[in-house]
N, C-alpha and C. Protein backbone atom coordinates (compact mmCIF):
# COMPACT_ATOMS: atom_id res chain seq x y z
N MET A 1 0.84 -1.16 0.00
CA MET A 1 0.00 0.00 0.00
C MET A 1 0.89 1.23 0.00
N GLU A 2 0.38 2.31 -0.55
CA GLU A 2 1.12 3.56 -0.59
C GLU A 2 0.85 4.37 0.68
N VAL A 3 1.90 4.95 1.24
CA VAL A 3 1.80 5.80 2.42
C VAL A 3 2.40 7.15 2.07
N ARG A 4 1.72 8.22 2.45
CA ARG A 4 2.23 9.58 2.24
C ARG A 4 2.27 10.29 3.59
N ILE A 5 3.43 10.90 3.87
CA ILE A 5 3.61 11.62 5.13
C ILE A 5 3.94 13.07 4.80
N GLY A 6 3.12 13.98 5.29
CA GLY A 6 3.40 15.40 5.14
C GLY A 6 4.21 15.87 6.33
N VAL A 7 5.30 16.56 6.05
CA VAL A 7 6.18 17.05 7.10
C VAL A 7 6.06 18.58 7.15
N GLN A 8 5.89 19.11 8.34
CA GLN A 8 5.74 20.56 8.50
C GLN A 8 6.97 21.29 7.99
N ASN A 9 6.74 22.42 7.31
CA ASN A 9 7.78 23.29 6.76
C ASN A 9 8.64 22.63 5.69
N VAL A 10 8.11 21.58 5.05
CA VAL A 10 8.79 20.91 3.93
C VAL A 10 7.79 20.83 2.78
N ALA A 11 8.20 21.29 1.60
CA ALA A 11 7.28 21.37 0.47
C ALA A 11 6.86 20.00 -0.06
N ARG A 12 7.75 19.03 -0.05
CA ARG A 12 7.44 17.71 -0.61
C ARG A 12 7.06 16.74 0.49
N GLU A 13 6.14 15.85 0.16
CA GLU A 13 5.75 14.82 1.12
C GLU A 13 6.61 13.58 0.92
N ILE A 14 6.68 12.75 1.93
CA ILE A 14 7.40 11.47 1.86
C ILE A 14 6.40 10.44 1.36
N THR A 15 6.72 9.76 0.26
CA THR A 15 5.82 8.76 -0.31
C THR A 15 6.59 7.46 -0.49
N PHE A 16 5.98 6.35 -0.06
CA PHE A 16 6.63 5.05 -0.22
C PHE A 16 5.58 3.95 -0.19
N GLU A 17 5.97 2.78 -0.66
CA GLU A 17 5.11 1.59 -0.63
C GLU A 17 5.51 0.75 0.58
N THR A 18 4.53 0.14 1.23
CA THR A 18 4.82 -0.71 2.38
C THR A 18 3.93 -1.95 2.35
N THR A 19 4.39 -2.97 3.04
CA THR A 19 3.59 -4.19 3.18
C THR A 19 2.79 -4.17 4.48
N GLN A 20 2.97 -3.12 5.30
CA GLN A 20 2.23 -3.00 6.55
C GLN A 20 0.76 -2.70 6.25
N SER A 21 -0.11 -3.16 7.13
CA SER A 21 -1.55 -2.92 6.95
C SER A 21 -1.91 -1.52 7.42
N THR A 22 -3.10 -1.08 7.05
CA THR A 22 -3.60 0.22 7.49
C THR A 22 -3.64 0.29 9.01
N ASP A 23 -4.07 -0.78 9.65
CA ASP A 23 -4.13 -0.80 11.12
C ASP A 23 -2.75 -0.67 11.75
N GLU A 24 -1.74 -1.30 11.15
CA GLU A 24 -0.38 -1.20 11.66
C GLU A 24 0.16 0.23 11.52
N ILE A 25 -0.13 0.86 10.39
CA ILE A 25 0.29 2.24 10.16
C ILE A 25 -0.39 3.15 11.18
N PHE A 26 -1.70 2.99 11.36
CA PHE A 26 -2.46 3.80 12.31
C PHE A 26 -1.89 3.65 13.72
N ALA A 27 -1.60 2.43 14.13
CA ALA A 27 -1.05 2.17 15.46
C ALA A 27 0.32 2.83 15.62
N ALA A 28 1.16 2.76 14.58
CA ALA A 28 2.49 3.36 14.65
C ALA A 28 2.40 4.87 14.76
N VAL A 29 1.48 5.50 14.01
CA VAL A 29 1.31 6.95 14.07
C VAL A 29 0.79 7.36 15.44
N LYS A 30 -0.19 6.63 15.93
CA LYS A 30 -0.77 6.94 17.24
C LYS A 30 0.28 6.83 18.34
N THR A 31 1.11 5.82 18.28
CA THR A 31 2.19 5.64 19.25
C THR A 31 3.22 6.76 19.12
N ALA A 32 3.53 7.15 17.88
CA ALA A 32 4.55 8.17 17.64
C ALA A 32 4.14 9.53 18.18
N LEU A 33 2.85 9.80 18.24
CA LEU A 33 2.40 11.10 18.74
C LEU A 33 2.76 11.30 20.21
N GLY A 34 2.99 10.20 20.94
CA GLY A 34 3.41 10.29 22.33
C GLY A 34 4.90 10.01 22.50
N ALA A 35 5.60 9.82 21.38
CA ALA A 35 7.03 9.51 21.44
C ALA A 35 7.82 10.55 20.63
N ASP A 36 9.10 10.28 20.41
CA ASP A 36 9.95 11.22 19.70
C ASP A 36 9.90 11.07 18.18
N VAL A 37 9.73 9.83 17.68
CA VAL A 37 9.80 9.61 16.23
C VAL A 37 8.71 8.64 15.76
N LEU A 38 8.37 8.77 14.47
CA LEU A 38 7.53 7.81 13.78
C LEU A 38 8.47 6.96 12.94
N GLU A 39 8.41 5.66 13.11
CA GLU A 39 9.28 4.77 12.35
C GLU A 39 8.42 3.75 11.61
N LEU A 40 8.57 3.71 10.27
CA LEU A 40 7.84 2.76 9.44
C LEU A 40 8.84 2.04 8.54
N THR A 41 8.42 0.93 7.94
CA THR A 41 9.27 0.14 7.06
C THR A 41 8.66 0.08 5.68
N ASP A 42 9.48 0.33 4.64
CA ASP A 42 8.95 0.24 3.28
C ASP A 42 8.98 -1.21 2.79
N ASP A 43 8.46 -1.43 1.58
CA ASP A 43 8.34 -2.80 1.07
C ASP A 43 9.67 -3.44 0.69
N LYS A 44 10.75 -2.68 0.68
CA LYS A 44 12.07 -3.22 0.38
C LYS A 44 12.91 -3.40 1.64
N GLY A 45 12.31 -3.14 2.80
CA GLY A 45 13.01 -3.32 4.07
C GLY A 45 13.68 -2.06 4.59
N GLY A 46 13.57 -0.96 3.86
CA GLY A 46 14.14 0.31 4.32
C GLY A 46 13.31 0.90 5.46
N ARG A 47 13.94 1.75 6.27
CA ARG A 47 13.23 2.36 7.40
C ARG A 47 13.04 3.85 7.14
N ILE A 48 11.86 4.33 7.43
CA ILE A 48 11.52 5.74 7.32
C ILE A 48 11.32 6.25 8.74
N ILE A 49 12.07 7.26 9.12
CA ILE A 49 12.00 7.81 10.47
C ILE A 49 11.73 9.30 10.36
N VAL A 50 10.65 9.75 11.00
CA VAL A 50 10.25 11.16 10.96
C VAL A 50 10.06 11.64 12.40
N PRO A 51 10.62 12.80 12.75
CA PRO A 51 10.38 13.33 14.10
C PRO A 51 8.88 13.58 14.31
N SER A 52 8.33 13.10 15.40
CA SER A 52 6.90 13.20 15.66
C SER A 52 6.40 14.64 15.66
N ALA A 53 7.19 15.55 16.17
CA ALA A 53 6.78 16.95 16.24
C ALA A 53 6.64 17.59 14.86
N SER A 54 7.23 16.97 13.82
CA SER A 54 7.19 17.52 12.47
C SER A 54 6.11 16.93 11.59
N ILE A 55 5.38 15.93 12.08
CA ILE A 55 4.36 15.27 11.27
C ILE A 55 3.19 16.22 11.04
N GLY A 56 2.87 16.46 9.76
CA GLY A 56 1.71 17.27 9.41
C GLY A 56 0.50 16.40 9.20
N TYR A 57 0.66 15.32 8.43
CA TYR A 57 -0.41 14.36 8.18
C TYR A 57 0.17 13.05 7.67
N VAL A 58 -0.63 11.99 7.76
CA VAL A 58 -0.26 10.68 7.22
C VAL A 58 -1.49 10.13 6.51
N THR A 59 -1.33 9.76 5.24
CA THR A 59 -2.43 9.15 4.49
C THR A 59 -1.99 7.80 3.95
N THR A 60 -2.95 6.90 3.83
CA THR A 60 -2.67 5.58 3.26
C THR A 60 -3.59 5.34 2.08
N GLY A 61 -3.09 4.61 1.10
CA GLY A 61 -3.90 4.22 -0.04
C GLY A 61 -4.57 2.90 0.25
N ALA A 62 -5.31 2.41 -0.71
CA ALA A 62 -5.97 1.12 -0.55
C ALA A 62 -4.91 0.02 -0.53
N GLU A 63 -5.18 -1.02 0.25
CA GLU A 63 -4.26 -2.14 0.30
C GLU A 63 -4.29 -2.86 -1.03
N ARG A 64 -3.10 -3.30 -1.48
CA ARG A 64 -3.00 -3.97 -2.77
C ARG A 64 -3.51 -5.40 -2.68
N LYS A 65 -4.23 -5.78 -3.70
CA LYS A 65 -4.68 -7.17 -3.83
C LYS A 65 -3.77 -7.84 -4.85
N GLY A 66 -3.73 -9.15 -4.88
CA GLY A 66 -2.91 -9.87 -5.84
C GLY A 66 -3.36 -9.57 -7.27
N GLY A 67 -2.40 -9.26 -8.14
CA GLY A 67 -2.72 -8.94 -9.52
C GLY A 67 -2.74 -10.18 -10.40
N VAL A 68 -3.26 -10.00 -11.60
CA VAL A 68 -3.33 -11.09 -12.56
C VAL A 68 -2.73 -10.58 -13.86
N GLY A 69 -1.93 -11.43 -14.52
CA GLY A 69 -1.39 -11.06 -15.82
C GLY A 69 0.06 -10.62 -15.76
N PHE A 70 0.54 -10.10 -16.89
CA PHE A 70 1.93 -9.66 -16.98
C PHE A 70 2.16 -8.44 -16.10
N GLY A 71 3.30 -8.42 -15.43
CA GLY A 71 3.66 -7.26 -14.61
C GLY A 71 2.94 -7.21 -13.28
N ALA A 72 2.17 -8.23 -12.96
CA ALA A 72 1.46 -8.24 -11.66
C ALA A 72 2.48 -8.45 -10.56
N SER A 73 2.37 -7.64 -9.52
CA SER A 73 3.28 -7.83 -8.38
C SER A 73 2.55 -7.76 -7.09
């Protein structure tokens, strides 16, 4: 699924694909609001770390379903 994070005072948002569910993302954001950082993992195993005080918004796209045909991933 695609995740977009808006960071305060930064023109571009952070966009990445993840295998985490919407509920996992929601729980991580909710926990981060009481902590120092928001930490998420992208679909390639990379880590995204954003200072909690700088989070403007977090949006998630629809979860991906299994594709059919050429190029399905």
